[in-house]
Amino acid sequence: MLEELPKYLDTRYLAELIGALSGVISSDRLQRIDPLYSAARPVMVRLNIVQEETGIRLGGKINTELTTTCQRCLNNMEISIDKKLDMLLVESTAM
C-alpha cells in the first residue's frame, strides 16, 4: 500500500535527491470538492520532479473515483478521474 503524501513538499530537495514520488491523498483532505460529490477512494498520485534551468518541473498522474447522484435516475454513479500533470514551478522576485 502506498503511503499518505504530506501536505507540503520540498520540491528542491525532491528534485535533487529523489526525482520521483508516489503516494495517496486521503479523501478527508479533499476539502475543495463540491458537496455534491464524495471521494470513493483516496487519490493516487505519481510525480516526477526534475530541476530545469527555468524552474522545477512537476509531471505525473493523479487518479481517483468520485461518487455522486445521477440527476436522471437518482441512483449513485461513479466518475473516474485520471489526469496527467505537467507544470513548471518558477521563483518570483516580485512581491
PDB file of N, CA and C in Angstrom:
ATOM      1  N   MET A   1       0.846  -1.186   0.000  1.00  0.00           N
ATOM      2  CA  MET A   1       0.000   0.000   0.000  1.00  0.00           C
ATOM      3  C   MET A   1       0.887   1.243   0.000  1.00  0.00           C
ATOM      4  N   LEU A   2       0.479   2.241  -0.756  1.00  0.00           N
ATOM      5  CA  LEU A   2       1.228   3.486  -0.827  1.00  0.00           C
ATOM      6  C   LEU A   2       1.003   4.323   0.422  1.00  0.00           C
ATOM      7  N   GLU A   3       2.000   5.111   0.777  1.00  0.00           N
ATOM      8  CA  GLU A   3       1.911   5.960   1.957  1.00  0.00           C
ATOM      9  C   GLU A   3       1.192   7.265   1.644  1.00  0.00           C
ATOM     10  N   GLU A   4       0.622   7.851   2.690  1.00  0.00           N
ATOM     11  CA  GLU A   4      -0.033   9.156   2.593  1.00  0.00           C
ATOM     12  C   GLU A   4       1.021  10.220   2.286  1.00  0.00           C
ATOM     13  N   LEU A   5       0.740  11.063   1.291  1.00  0.00           N
ATOM     14  CA  LEU A   5       1.654  12.149   0.958  1.00  0.00           C
ATOM     15  C   LEU A   5       1.512  13.276   1.971  1.00  0.00           C
ATOM     16  N   PRO A   6       2.597  13.974   2.269  1.00  0.00           N
ATOM     17  CA  PRO A   6       2.499  15.102   3.195  1.00  0.00           C
ATOM     18  C   PRO A   6       1.733  16.260   2.561  1.00  0.00           C
ATOM     19  N   LYS A   7       1.274  17.175   3.401  1.00  0.00           N
ATOM     20  CA  LYS A   7       0.520  18.330   2.916  1.00  0.00           C
ATOM     21  C   LYS A   7       1.414  19.259   2.091  1.00  0.00           C
ATOM     22  N   TYR A   8       2.666  19.404   2.492  1.00  0.00           N
ATOM     23  CA  TYR A   8       3.615  20.266   1.790  1.00  0.00           C
ATOM     24  C   TYR A   8       4.813  19.438   1.349  1.00  0.00           C
ATOM     25  N   LEU A   9       5.370  19.785   0.180  1.00  0.00           N
ATOM     26  CA  LEU A   9       6.535  19.083  -0.355  1.00  0.00           C
ATOM     27  C   LEU A   9       7.681  20.063  -0.556  1.00  0.00           C
ATOM     28  N   ASP A  10       8.889  19.647  -0.225  1.00  0.00           N
ATOM     29  CA  ASP A  10      10.093  20.419  -0.516  1.00  0.00           C
ATOM     30  C   ASP A  10      10.563  19.998  -1.906  1.00  0.00           C
ATOM     31  N   THR A  11      10.106  20.716  -2.922  1.00  0.00           N
ATOM     32  CA  THR A  11      10.366  20.303  -4.302  1.00  0.00           C
ATOM     33  C   THR A  11      11.841  20.390  -4.666  1.00  0.00           C
ATOM     34  N   ARG A  12      12.577  21.330  -4.080  1.00  0.00           N
ATOM     35  CA  ARG A  12      14.019  21.408  -4.375  1.00  0.00           C
ATOM     36  C   ARG A  12      14.728  20.151  -3.889  1.00  0.00           C
ATOM     37  N   TYR A  13      14.425  19.745  -2.675  1.00  0.00           N
ATOM     38  CA  TYR A  13      15.021  18.531  -2.111  1.00  0.00           C
ATOM     39  C   TYR A  13      14.645  17.313  -2.955  1.00  0.00           C
ATOM     40  N   LEU A  14      13.387  17.218  -3.307  1.00  0.00           N
ATOM     41  CA  LEU A  14      12.925  16.072  -4.094  1.00  0.00           C
ATOM     42  C   LEU A  14      13.571  16.035  -5.470  1.00  0.00           C
ATOM     43  N   ALA A  15      13.722  17.206  -6.109  1.00  0.00           N
ATOM     44  CA  ALA A  15      14.338  17.257  -7.435  1.00  0.00           C
ATOM     45  C   ALA A  15      15.804  16.847  -7.372  1.00  0.00           C
ATOM     46  N   GLU A  16      16.514  17.256  -6.323  1.00  0.00           N
ATOM     47  CA  GLU A  16      17.938  16.959  -6.212  1.00  0.00           C
ATOM     48  C   GLU A  16      18.209  15.508  -5.822  1.00  0.00           C
ATOM     49  N   LEU A  17      17.448  14.973  -4.887  1.00  0.00           N
ATOM     50  CA  LEU A  17      17.796  13.678  -4.315  1.00  0.00           C
ATOM     51  C   LEU A  17      16.948  12.502  -4.782  1.00  0.00           C
ATOM     52  N   ILE A  18      15.683  12.731  -5.003  1.00  0.00           N
ATOM     53  CA  ILE A  18      14.789  11.602  -5.247  1.00  0.00           C
ATOM     54  C   ILE A  18      14.350  11.542  -6.705  1.00  0.00           C
ATOM     55  N   GLY A  19      13.754  12.607  -7.208  1.00  0.00           N
ATOM     56  CA  GLY A  19      13.333  12.659  -8.595  1.00  0.00           C
ATOM     57  C   GLY A  19      11.944  12.122  -8.875  1.00  0.00           C
ATOM     58  N   ALA A  20      11.397  11.304  -7.977  1.00  0.00           N
ATOM     59  CA  ALA A  20      10.053  10.761  -8.183  1.00  0.00           C
ATOM     60  C   ALA A  20       9.402  10.515  -6.828  1.00  0.00           C
ATOM     61  N   LEU A  21       8.089  10.535  -6.823  1.00  0.00           N
ATOM     62  CA  LEU A  21       7.343  10.357  -5.581  1.00  0.00           C
ATOM     63  C   LEU A  21       5.990   9.747  -5.916  1.00  0.00           C
ATOM     64  N   SER A  22       5.574   8.765  -5.142  1.00  0.00           N
ATOM     65  CA  SER A  22       4.255   8.153  -5.296  1.00  0.00           C
ATOM     66  C   SER A  22       3.603   8.062  -3.932  1.00  0.00           C
ATOM     67  N   GLY A  23       2.291   8.187  -3.918  1.00  0.00           N
ATOM     68  CA  GLY A  23       1.568   8.064  -2.664  1.00  0.00           C
ATOM     69  C   GLY A  23       0.095   8.332  -2.864  1.00  0.00           C
ATOM     70  N   VAL A  24      -0.598   8.508  -1.759  1.00  0.00           N
ATOM     71  CA  VAL A  24      -2.036   8.765  -1.801  1.00  0.00           C
ATOM     72  C   VAL A  24      -2.355  10.017  -0.994  1.00  0.00           C
ATOM     73  N   ILE A  25      -3.476  10.612  -1.330  1.00  0.00           N
ATOM     74  CA  ILE A  25      -4.061  11.699  -0.549  1.00  0.00           C
ATOM     75  C   ILE A  25      -5.420  11.199  -0.105  1.00  0.00           C
ATOM     76  N   SER A  26      -5.616  11.099   1.198  1.00  0.00           N
ATOM     77  CA  SER A  26      -6.868  10.539   1.716  1.00  0.00           C
ATOM     78  C   SER A  26      -8.041  11.478   1.429  1.00  0.00           C
ATOM     79  N   SER A  27      -9.218  10.897   1.332  1.00  0.00           N
ATOM     80  CA  SER A  27     -10.412  11.656   0.955  1.00  0.00           C
ATOM     81  C   SER A  27     -10.775  12.732   1.974  1.00  0.00           C
ATOM     82  N   ASP A  28     -10.413  12.563   3.244  1.00  0.00           N
ATOM     83  CA  ASP A  28     -10.750  13.591   4.235  1.00  0.00           C
ATOM     84  C   ASP A  28      -9.923  14.860   4.061  1.00  0.00           C
ATOM     85  N   ARG A  29      -8.851  14.827   3.273  1.00  0.00           N
ATOM     86  CA  ARG A  29      -8.054  16.026   2.992  1.00  0.00           C
ATOM     87  C   ARG A  29      -8.559  16.783   1.767  1.00  0.00           C
ATOM     88  N   LEU A  30      -9.560  16.281   1.089  1.00  0.00           N
ATOM     89  CA  LEU A  30     -10.069  16.898  -0.139  1.00  0.00           C
ATOM     90  C   LEU A  30     -11.196  17.870   0.196  1.00  0.00           C
ATOM     91  N   GLN A  31     -10.846  18.990   0.769  1.00  0.00           N
ATOM     92  CA  GLN A  31     -11.838  19.939   1.264  1.00  0.00           C
ATOM     93  C   GLN A  31     -12.470  20.789   0.172  1.00  0.00           C
ATOM     94  N   ARG A  32     -11.882  20.830  -1.020  1.00  0.00           N
ATOM     95  CA  ARG A  32     -12.402  21.702  -2.070  1.00  0.00           C
ATOM     96  C   ARG A  32     -13.332  20.987  -3.045  1.00  0.00           C
ATOM     97  N   ILE A  33     -13.641  19.720  -2.795  1.00  0.00           N
ATOM     98  CA  ILE A  33     -14.588  19.001  -3.656  1.00  0.00           C
ATOM     99  C   ILE A  33     -15.992  19.505  -3.361  1.00  0.00           C
ATOM    100  N   ASP A  34     -16.744  19.751  -4.412  1.00  0.00           N
ATOM    101  CA  ASP A  34     -18.122  20.212  -4.285  1.00  0.00           C
ATOM    102  C   ASP A  34     -18.919  19.243  -3.414  1.00  0.00           C
ATOM    103  N   PRO A  35     -19.827  19.749  -2.561  1.00  0.00           N
ATOM    104  CA  PRO A  35     -20.612  18.868  -1.683  1.00  0.00           C
ATOM    105  C   PRO A  35     -21.466  17.826  -2.420  1.00  0.00           C
ATOM    106  N   LEU A  36     -21.719  18.026  -3.706  1.00  0.00           N
ATOM    107  CA  LEU A  36     -22.496  17.048  -4.474  1.00  0.00           C
ATOM    108  C   LEU A  36     -21.705  15.777  -4.758  1.00  0.00           C
ATOM    109  N   TYR A  37     -20.396  15.815  -4.540  1.00  0.00           N
ATOM    110  CA  TYR A  37     -19.521  14.677  -4.823  1.00  0.00           C
ATOM    111  C   TYR A  37     -18.858  14.198  -3.543  1.00  0.00           C
ATOM    112  N   SER A  38     -18.506  12.923  -3.521  1.00  0.00           N
ATOM    113  CA  SER A  38     -17.689  12.395  -2.430  1.00  0.00           C
ATOM    114  C   SER A  38     -16.638  11.476  -3.038  1.00  0.00           C
ATOM    115  N   ALA A  39     -15.496  11.436  -2.408  1.00  0.00           N
ATOM    116  CA  ALA A  39     -14.407  10.602  -2.917  1.00  0.00           C
ATOM    117  C   ALA A  39     -14.688   9.146  -2.572  1.00  0.00           C
ATOM    118  N   ALA A  40     -14.735   8.303  -3.599  1.00  0.00           N
ATOM    119  CA  ALA A  40     -14.992   6.879  -3.394  1.00  0.00           C
ATOM    120  C   ALA A  40     -13.745   6.152  -2.907  1.00  0.00           C
ATOM    121  N   ARG A  41     -12.572   6.728  -3.172  1.00  0.00           N
ATOM    122  CA  ARG A  41     -11.309   6.148  -2.711  1.00  0.00           C
ATOM    123  C   ARG A  41     -10.269   7.259  -2.662  1.00  0.00           C
ATOM    124  N   PRO A  42      -9.142   7.012  -2.007  1.00  0.00           N
ATOM    125  CA  PRO A  42      -8.094   8.039  -1.948  1.00  0.00           C
ATOM    126  C   PRO A  42      -7.558   8.377  -3.340  1.00  0.00           C
ATOM    127  N   VAL A  43      -6.973   9.550  -3.462  1.00  0.00           N
ATOM    128  CA  VAL A  43      -6.358   9.977  -4.715  1.00  0.00           C
ATOM    129  C   VAL A  43      -4.967   9.350  -4.815  1.00  0.00           C
ATOM    130  N   MET A  44      -4.720   8.647  -5.899  1.00  0.00           N
ATOM    131  CA  MET A  44      -3.402   8.055  -6.160  1.00  0.00           C
ATOM    132  C   MET A  44      -2.579   9.084  -6.935  1.00  0.00           C
ATOM    133  N   VAL A  45      -1.362   9.358  -6.461  1.00  0.00           N
ATOM    134  CA  VAL A  45      -0.513  10.390  -7.057  1.00  0.00           C
ATOM    135  C   VAL A  45       0.837   9.785  -7.427  1.00  0.00           C
ATOM    136  N   ARG A  46       1.294  10.082  -8.650  1.00  0.00           N
ATOM    137  CA  ARG A  46       2.658   9.749  -9.084  1.00  0.00           C
ATOM    138  C   ARG A  46       3.277  11.020  -9.635  1.00  0.00           C
ATOM    139  N   LEU A  47       4.404  11.432  -9.075  1.00  0.00           N
ATOM    140  CA  LEU A  47       5.065  12.657  -9.511  1.00  0.00           C
ATOM    141  C   LEU A  47       6.498  12.367  -9.939  1.00  0.00           C
ATOM    142  N   ASN A  48       6.912  13.033 -11.006  1.00  0.00           N
ATOM    143  CA  ASN A  48       8.312  13.095 -11.408  1.00  0.00           C
ATOM    144  C   ASN A  48       8.737  14.539 -11.191  1.00  0.00           C
ATOM    145  N   ILE A  49       9.845  14.735 -10.487  1.00  0.00           N
ATOM    146  CA  ILE A  49      10.288  16.075 -10.132  1.00  0.00           C
ATOM    147  C   ILE A  49      11.682  16.270 -10.717  1.00  0.00           C
ATOM    148  N   VAL A  50      11.824  17.271 -11.613  1.00  0.00           N
ATOM    149  CA  VAL A  50      13.083  17.493 -12.318  1.00  0.00           C
ATOM    150  C   VAL A  50      13.464  18.963 -12.211  1.00  0.00           C
ATOM    151  N   GLN A  51      14.720  19.222 -11.847  1.00  0.00           N
ATOM    152  CA  GLN A  51      15.240  20.591 -11.833  1.00  0.00           C
ATOM    153  C   GLN A  51      15.635  20.973 -13.251  1.00  0.00           C
ATOM    154  N   GLU A  52      15.060  22.071 -13.772  1.00  0.00           N
ATOM    155  CA  GLU A  52      15.420  22.591 -15.085  1.00  0.00           C
ATOM    156  C   GLU A  52      16.015  23.979 -14.908  1.00  0.00           C
ATOM    157  N   GLU A  53      16.547  24.555 -15.981  1.00  0.00           N
ATOM    158  CA  GLU A  53      17.129  25.901 -15.901  1.00  0.00           C
ATOM    159  C   GLU A  53      16.121  26.938 -15.442  1.00  0.00           C
ATOM    160  N   THR A  54      14.905  26.808 -15.905  1.00  0.00           N
ATOM    161  CA  THR A  54      13.891  27.823 -15.622  1.00  0.00           C
ATOM    162  C   THR A  54      13.085  27.556 -14.362  1.00  0.00           C
ATOM    163  N   GLY A  55      13.246  26.392 -13.753  1.00  0.00           N
ATOM    164  CA  GLY A  55      12.489  26.074 -12.541  1.00  0.00           C
ATOM    165  C   GLY A  55      12.431  24.576 -12.305  1.00  0.00           C
ATOM    166  N   ILE A  56      11.493  24.181 -11.491  1.00  0.00           N
ATOM    167  CA  ILE A  56      11.306  22.766 -11.171  1.00  0.00           C
ATOM    168  C   ILE A  56      10.057  22.272 -11.889  1.00  0.00           C
ATOM    169  N   ARG A  57      10.224  21.233 -12.695  1.00  0.00           N
ATOM    170  CA  ARG A  57       9.097  20.674 -13.444  1.00  0.00           C
ATOM    171  C   ARG A  57       8.494  19.514 -12.667  1.00  0.00           C
ATOM    172  N   LEU A  58       7.168  19.599 -12.480  1.00  0.00           N
ATOM    173  CA  LEU A  58       6.393  18.517 -11.875  1.00  0.00           C
ATOM    174  C   LEU A  58       5.567  17.871 -12.976  1.00  0.00           C
ATOM    175  N   GLY A  59       5.742  16.603 -13.146  1.00  0.00           N
ATOM    176  CA  GLY A  59       4.943  15.853 -14.104  1.00  0.00           C
ATOM    177  C   GLY A  59       4.440  14.597 -13.420  1.00  0.00           C
ATOM    178  N   GLY A  60       3.417  14.009 -13.961  1.00  0.00           N
ATOM    179  CA  GLY A  60       2.916  12.780 -13.365  1.00  0.00           C
ATOM    180  C   GLY A  60       1.449  12.563 -13.647  1.00  0.00           C
ATOM    181  N   LYS A  61       0.815  11.774 -12.773  1.00  0.00           N
ATOM    182  CA  LYS A  61      -0.601  11.432 -12.936  1.00  0.00           C
ATOM    183  C   LYS A  61      -1.290  11.424 -11.586  1.00  0.00           C
ATOM    184  N   ILE A  62      -2.565  11.756 -11.615  1.00  0.00           N
ATOM    185  CA  ILE A  62      -3.431  11.563 -10.453  1.00  0.00           C
ATOM    186  C   ILE A  62      -4.651  10.781 -10.920  1.00  0.00           C
ATOM    187  N   ASN A  63      -5.160   9.923 -10.059  1.00  0.00           N
ATOM    188  CA  ASN A  63      -6.420   9.261 -10.388  1.00  0.00           C
ATOM    189  C   ASN A  63      -7.170   8.890  -9.120  1.00  0.00           C
ATOM    190  N   THR A  64      -8.482   8.932  -9.255  1.00  0.00           N
ATOM    191  CA  THR A  64      -9.385   8.579  -8.165  1.00  0.00           C
ATOM    192  C   THR A  64     -10.767   8.340  -8.754  1.00  0.00           C
ATOM    193  N   GLU A  65     -11.727   8.100  -7.905  1.00  0.00           N
ATOM    194  CA  GLU A  65     -13.127   7.991  -8.318  1.00  0.00           C
ATOM    195  C   GLU A  65     -13.974   8.819  -7.373  1.00  0.00           C
ATOM    196  N   LEU A  66     -14.917   9.541  -7.952  1.00  0.00           N
ATOM    197  CA  LEU A  66     -15.877  10.318  -7.178  1.00  0.00           C
ATOM    198  C   LEU A  66     -17.243   9.677  -7.300  1.00  0.00           C
ATOM    199  N   THR A  67     -18.039   9.799  -6.256  1.00  0.00           N
ATOM    200  CA  THR A  67     -19.412   9.304  -6.263  1.00  0.00           C
ATOM    201  C   THR A  67     -20.350  10.500  -6.202  1.00  0.00           C
ATOM    202  N   THR A  68     -21.407  10.437  -6.994  1.00  0.00           N
ATOM    203  CA  THR A  68     -22.422  11.482  -6.978  1.00  0.00           C
ATOM    204  C   THR A  68     -23.770  10.846  -7.303  1.00  0.00           C
ATOM    205  N   THR A  69     -24.816  11.633  -7.301  1.00  0.00           N
ATOM    206  CA  THR A  69     -26.151  11.148  -7.639  1.00  0.00           C
ATOM    207  C   THR A  69     -26.477  11.524  -9.075  1.00  0.00           C
ATOM    208  N   CYS A  70     -26.892  10.554  -9.861  1.00  0.00           N
ATOM    209  CA  CYS A  70     -27.309  10.803 -11.235  1.00  0.00           C
ATOM    210  C   CYS A  70     -28.570  11.666 -11.209  1.00  0.00           C
ATOM    211  N   GLN A  71     -28.578  12.742 -11.974  1.00  0.00           N
ATOM    212  CA  GLN A  71     -29.716  13.652 -11.988  1.00  0.00           C
ATOM    213  C   GLN A  71     -30.899  13.098 -12.782  1.00  0.00           C
ATOM    214  N   ARG A  72     -30.667  12.048 -13.564  1.00  0.00           N
ATOM    215  CA  ARG A  72     -31.745  11.459 -14.352  1.00  0.00           C
ATOM    216  C   ARG A  72     -32.448  10.344 -13.595  1.00  0.00           C
ATOM    217  N   CYS A  73     -31.664   9.378 -13.055  1.00  0.00           N
ATOM    218  CA  CYS A  73     -32.281   8.214 -12.408  1.00  0.00           C
ATOM    219  C   CYS A  73     -32.196   8.263 -10.878  1.00  0.00           C
ATOM    220  N   LEU A  74     -31.438   9.219 -10.340  1.00  0.00           N
ATOM    221  CA  LEU A  74     -31.257   9.419  -8.898  1.00  0.00           C
ATOM    222  C   LEU A  74     -30.543   8.265  -8.198  1.00  0.00           C
ATOM    223  N   ASN A  75     -29.866   7.416  -8.960  1.00  0.00           N
ATOM    224  CA  ASN A  75     -29.013   6.378  -8.378  1.00  0.00           C
ATOM    225  C   ASN A  75     -27.596   6.920  -8.214  1.00  0.00           C
ATOM    226  N   ASN A  76     -26.827   6.262  -7.354  1.00  0.00           N
ATOM    227  CA  ASN A  76     -25.421   6.637  -7.221  1.00  0.00           C
ATOM    228  C   ASN A  76     -24.676   6.287  -8.493  1.00  0.00           C
ATOM    229  N   MET A  77     -23.717   7.120  -8.852  1.00  0.00           N
ATOM    230  CA  MET A  77     -22.867   6.843 -10.004  1.00  0.00           C
ATOM    231  C   MET A  77     -21.439   7.245  -9.666  1.00  0.00           C
ATOM    232  N   GLU A  78     -20.490   6.546 -10.263  1.00  0.00           N
ATOM    233  CA  GLU A  78     -19.082   6.845 -10.045  1.00  0.00           C
ATOM    234  C   GLU A  78     -18.502   7.524 -11.275  1.00  0.00           C
ATOM    235  N   ILE A  79     -17.642   8.493 -11.022  1.00  0.00           N
ATOM    236  CA  ILE A  79     -16.951   9.222 -12.079  1.00  0.00           C
ATOM    237  C   ILE A  79     -15.460   8.991 -11.883  1.00  0.00           C
ATOM    238  N   SER A  80     -14.806   8.444 -12.891  1.00  0.00           N
ATOM    239  CA  SER A  80     -13.362   8.207 -12.817  1.00  0.00           C
ATOM    240  C   SER A  80     -12.608   9.473 -13.195  1.00  0.00           C
ATOM    241  N   ILE A  81     -11.622   9.810 -12.400  1.00  0.00           N
ATOM    242  CA  ILE A  81     -10.746  10.947 -12.666  1.00  0.00           C
ATOM    243  C   ILE A  81      -9.354  10.378 -12.921  1.00  0.00           C
ATOM    244  N   ASP A  82      -8.813  10.639 -14.091  1.00  0.00           N
ATOM    245  CA  ASP A  82      -7.486  10.159 -14.465  1.00  0.00           C
ATOM    246  C   ASP A  82      -6.823  11.274 -15.269  1.00  0.00           C
ATOM    247  N   LYS A  83      -5.973  12.058 -14.616  1.00  0.00           N
ATOM    248  CA  LYS A  83      -5.403  13.254 -15.239  1.00  0.00           C
ATOM    249  C   LYS A  83      -3.884  13.234 -15.201  1.00  0.00           C
ATOM    250  N   LYS A  84      -3.291  13.750 -16.272  1.00  0.00           N
ATOM    251  CA  LYS A  84      -1.845  13.943 -16.317  1.00  0.00           C
ATOM    252  C   LYS A  84      -1.525  15.338 -15.793  1.00  0.00           C
ATOM    253  N   LEU A  85      -0.383  15.455 -15.139  1.00  0.00           N
ATOM    254  CA  LEU A  85       0.093  16.737 -14.637  1.00  0.00           C
ATOM    255  C   LEU A  85       1.367  17.120 -15.373  1.00  0.00           C
ATOM    256  N   ASP A  86       1.505  18.389 -15.690  1.00  0.00           N
ATOM    257  CA  ASP A  86       2.753  18.916 -16.236  1.00  0.00           C
ATOM    258  C   ASP A  86       2.785  20.397 -15.917  1.00  0.00           C
ATOM    259  N   MET A  87       3.597  20.761 -14.929  1.00  0.00           N
ATOM    260  CA  MET A  87       3.680  22.168 -14.550  1.00  0.00           C
ATOM    261  C   MET A  87       5.116  22.532 -14.222  1.00  0.00           C
ATOM    262  N   LEU A  88       5.420  23.805 -14.372  1.00  0.00           N
ATOM    263  CA  LEU A  88       6.746  24.318 -14.093  1.00  0.00           C
ATOM    264  C   LEU A  88       6.640  25.305 -12.944  1.00  0.00           C
ATOM    265  N   LEU A  89       7.352  25.030 -11.852  1.00  0.00           N
ATOM    266  CA  LEU A  89       7.376  25.922 -10.702  1.00  0.00           C
ATOM    267  C   LEU A  89       8.540  26.885 -10.873  1.00  0.00           C
ATOM    268  N   VAL A  90       8.256  28.179 -10.845  1.00  0.00           N
ATOM    269  CA  VAL A  90       9.302  29.192 -11.003  1.00  0.00           C
ATOM    270  C   VAL A  90       9.301  30.102  -9.790  1.00  0.00           C
ATOM    271  N   GLU A  91      10.460  30.665  -9.501  1.00  0.00           N
ATOM    272  CA  GLU A  91      10.552  31.617  -8.400  1.00  0.00           C
ATOM    273  C   GLU A  91      10.158  32.990  -8.906  1.00  0.00           C
ATOM    274  N   SER A  92       9.484  33.733  -8.057  1.00  0.00           N
ATOM    275  CA  SER A  92       9.086  35.089  -8.393  1.00  0.00           C
ATOM    276  C   SER A  92       9.805  36.046  -7.458  1.00  0.00           C
ATOM    277  N   THR A  93      10.417  37.066  -8.032  1.00  0.00           N
ATOM    278  CA  THR A  93      11.074  38.075  -7.205  1.00  0.00           C
ATOM    279  C   THR A  93      10.153  39.250  -6.926  1.00  0.00           C
ATOM    280  N   ALA A  94       9.037  39.321  -7.626  1.00  0.00           N
ATOM    281  CA  ALA A  94       8.077  40.413  -7.429  1.00  0.00           C
ATOM    282  C   ALA A  94       7.156  40.090  -6.267  1.00  0.00           C
ATOM    283  N   MET A  95       6.974  41.028  -5.387  1.00  0.00           N
ATOM    284  CA  MET A  95       6.048  40.849  -4.275  1.00  0.00           C
ATOM    285  C   MET A  95       5.350  42.144  -3.998  1.00  0.00           C
TER     286      MET A  95
END
